[in-house]
C-alpha atoms as a PDB file:
ATOM      1  CA  UNK A   1      -8.701   3.855   0.657  1.00  0.00           C
ATOM      2  CA  UNK A   2      -4.925   3.483   0.618  1.00  0.00           C
ATOM      3  CA  UNK A   3      -3.240   3.887   4.025  1.00  0.00           C
ATOM      4  CA  UNK A   4       0.155   3.813   5.714  1.00  0.00           C
ATOM      5  CA  UNK A   5       0.137   0.043   6.006  1.00  0.00           C
ATOM      6  CA  UNK A   6      -0.440  -0.363   2.254  1.00  0.00           C
ATOM      7  CA  UNK A   7       2.406   2.070   1.558  1.00  0.00           C
ATOM      8  CA  UNK A   8       4.774   0.245   3.911  1.00  0.00           C
ATOM      9  CA  UNK A   9       4.037  -3.090   2.243  1.00  0.00           C
ATOM     10  CA  UNK A  10       4.694  -1.502  -1.136  1.00  0.00           C
ATOM     11  CA  UNK A  11       7.860   0.361  -0.168  1.00  0.00           C
ATOM     12  CA  UNK A  12       9.482  -2.334   1.977  1.00  0.00           C
ATOM     13  CA  UNK A  13       8.049  -5.768   1.086  1.00  0.00           C
ATOM     14  CA  UNK A  14       8.661  -8.317   3.806  1.00  0.00           C
ATOM     15  CA  UNK A  15       9.994  -5.768   6.291  1.00  0.00           C
ATOM     16  CA  UNK A  16       9.373  -6.257   9.992  1.00  0.00           C
ATOM     17  CA  UNK A  17       7.675  -3.348  11.722  1.00  0.00           C
ATOM     18  CA  UNK A  18       4.851  -2.420  14.074  1.00  0.00           C
ATOM     19  CA  UNK A  19       2.517   0.509  13.541  1.00  0.00           C
ATOM     20  CA  UNK A  20       0.341   1.944  16.316  1.00  0.00           C
ATOM     21  CA  UNK A  21      -2.633   3.842  14.866  1.00  0.00           C
ATOM     22  CA  UNK A  22      -3.441   5.475  18.170  1.00  0.00           C
ATOM     23  CA  UNK A  23      -0.114   7.333  18.413  1.00  0.00           C
ATOM     24  CA  UNK A  24      -0.105  10.654  16.558  1.00  0.00           C
ATOM     25  CA  UNK A  25       3.655  11.176  16.249  1.00  0.00           C
ATOM     26  CA  UNK A  26       4.859   9.202  13.200  1.00  0.00           C
ATOM     27  CA  UNK A  27       8.282   8.368  14.636  1.00  0.00           C
ATOM     28  CA  UNK A  28       6.692   6.957  17.775  1.00  0.00           C
ATOM     29  CA  UNK A  29       3.884   5.179  15.929  1.00  0.00           C
ATOM     30  CA  UNK A  30       6.112   3.268  13.501  1.00  0.00           C
ATOM     31  CA  UNK A  31       8.505   0.952  15.302  1.00  0.00           C
ATOM     32  CA  UNK A  32      11.025  -0.357  12.795  1.00  0.00           C
ATOM     33  CA  UNK A  33      12.315  -3.831  13.650  1.00  0.00           C
ATOM     34  CA  UNK A  34      13.826  -4.854  10.320  1.00  0.00           C
ATOM     35  CA  UNK A  35      17.604  -5.141  10.280  1.00  0.00           C
ATOM     36  CA  UNK A  36      18.056  -5.442   6.505  1.00  0.00           C
ATOM     37  CA  UNK A  37      15.780  -2.685   5.188  1.00  0.00           C
ATOM     38  CA  UNK A  38      15.879   0.940   6.244  1.00  0.00           C
ATOM     39  CA  UNK A  39      12.875   2.692   7.742  1.00  0.00           C
ATOM     40  CA  UNK A  40      11.158   4.903   5.144  1.00  0.00           C
ATOM     41  CA  UNK A  41      10.604   8.551   5.965  1.00  0.00           C
ATOM     42  CA  UNK A  42       7.154   9.919   6.639  1.00  0.00           C
ATOM     43  CA  UNK A  43       7.325  11.922   3.395  1.00  0.00           C
ATOM     44  CA  UNK A  44       8.284   8.805   1.410  1.00  0.00           C
ATOM     45  CA  UNK A  45       5.306   6.977   2.869  1.00  0.00           C
ATOM     46  CA  UNK A  46       2.945   9.877   2.099  1.00  0.00           C
ATOM     47  CA  UNK A  47       4.258  10.013  -1.482  1.00  0.00           C
ATOM     48  CA  UNK A  48       3.686   6.265  -1.841  1.00  0.00           C
ATOM     49  CA  UNK A  49       0.122   6.638  -0.541  1.00  0.00           C
ATOM     50  CA  UNK A  50      -0.524   9.265  -3.232  1.00  0.00           C
ATOM     51  CA  UNK A  51       1.051   7.042  -5.913  1.00  0.00           C
ATOM     52  CA  UNK A  52      -0.893   3.937  -4.876  1.00  0.00           C
ATOM     53  CA  UNK A  53      -4.169   5.883  -4.677  1.00  0.00           C
ATOM     54  CA  UNK A  54      -3.631   7.332  -8.170  1.00  0.00           C
ATOM     55  CA  UNK A  55      -2.869   3.854  -9.524  1.00  0.00           C
ATOM     56  CA  UNK A  56      -6.002   2.447  -7.870  1.00  0.00           C
ATOM     57  CA  UNK A  57      -8.174   5.213  -9.295  1.00  0.00           C
ATOM     58  CA  UNK A  58      -6.650   4.832 -12.764  1.00  0.00           C
ATOM     59  CA  UNK A  59      -7.637   1.154 -12.817  1.00  0.00           C
ATOM     60  CA  UNK A  60     -11.265   1.729 -11.846  1.00  0.00           C
ATOM     61  CA  UNK A  61     -12.413   1.098 -15.409  1.00  0.00           C
ATOM     62  CA  UNK A  62     -10.741  -2.321 -15.364  1.00  0.00           C
ATOM     63  CA  UNK A  63     -12.381  -3.256 -12.071  1.00  0.00           C
ATOM     64  CA  UNK A  64     -15.807  -2.195 -13.316  1.00  0.00           C
ATOM     65  CA  UNK A  65     -15.493  -3.988 -16.671  1.00  0.00           C
ATOM     66  CA  UNK A  66     -14.120  -7.300 -15.389  1.00  0.00           C
ATOM     67  CA  UNK A  67     -17.493  -8.617 -14.128  1.00  0.00           C
ATOM     68  CA  UNK A  68     -19.026  -7.881 -17.542  1.00  0.00           C
ATOM     69  CA  UNK A  69     -17.028 -10.649 -19.210  1.00  0.00           C
ATOM     70  CA  UNK A  70     -16.838 -14.353 -18.415  1.00  0.00           C
ATOM     71  CA  UNK A  71     -13.481 -15.915 -17.507  1.00  0.00           C
ATOM     72  CA  UNK A  72     -11.246 -16.639 -20.492  1.00  0.00           C
ATOM     73  CA  UNK A  73     -11.656 -20.384 -19.923  1.00  0.00           C
ATOM     74  CA  UNK A  74     -15.419 -20.065 -20.364  1.00  0.00           C
ATOM     75  CA  UNK A  75     -14.940 -18.091 -23.579  1.00  0.00           C
ATOM     76  CA  UNK A  76     -12.755 -20.775 -25.102  1.00  0.00           C
END
């Protein structure tokens, strides 16, 4: 399951932040400490969660098929 942390890593790689799961208010839960990257909005993060989840689901076939074949080195 894709979550806020996954979306933050995708949207702002290497950014410095702290997220408190126990706090309900998004602005209070996400403490942005990065000085070079801007804090993403809650809607941008939610959109990224949807995008990442769709990408994960679209690649299910690949994940299921991979174990069916030996590594390429073994095939050669």
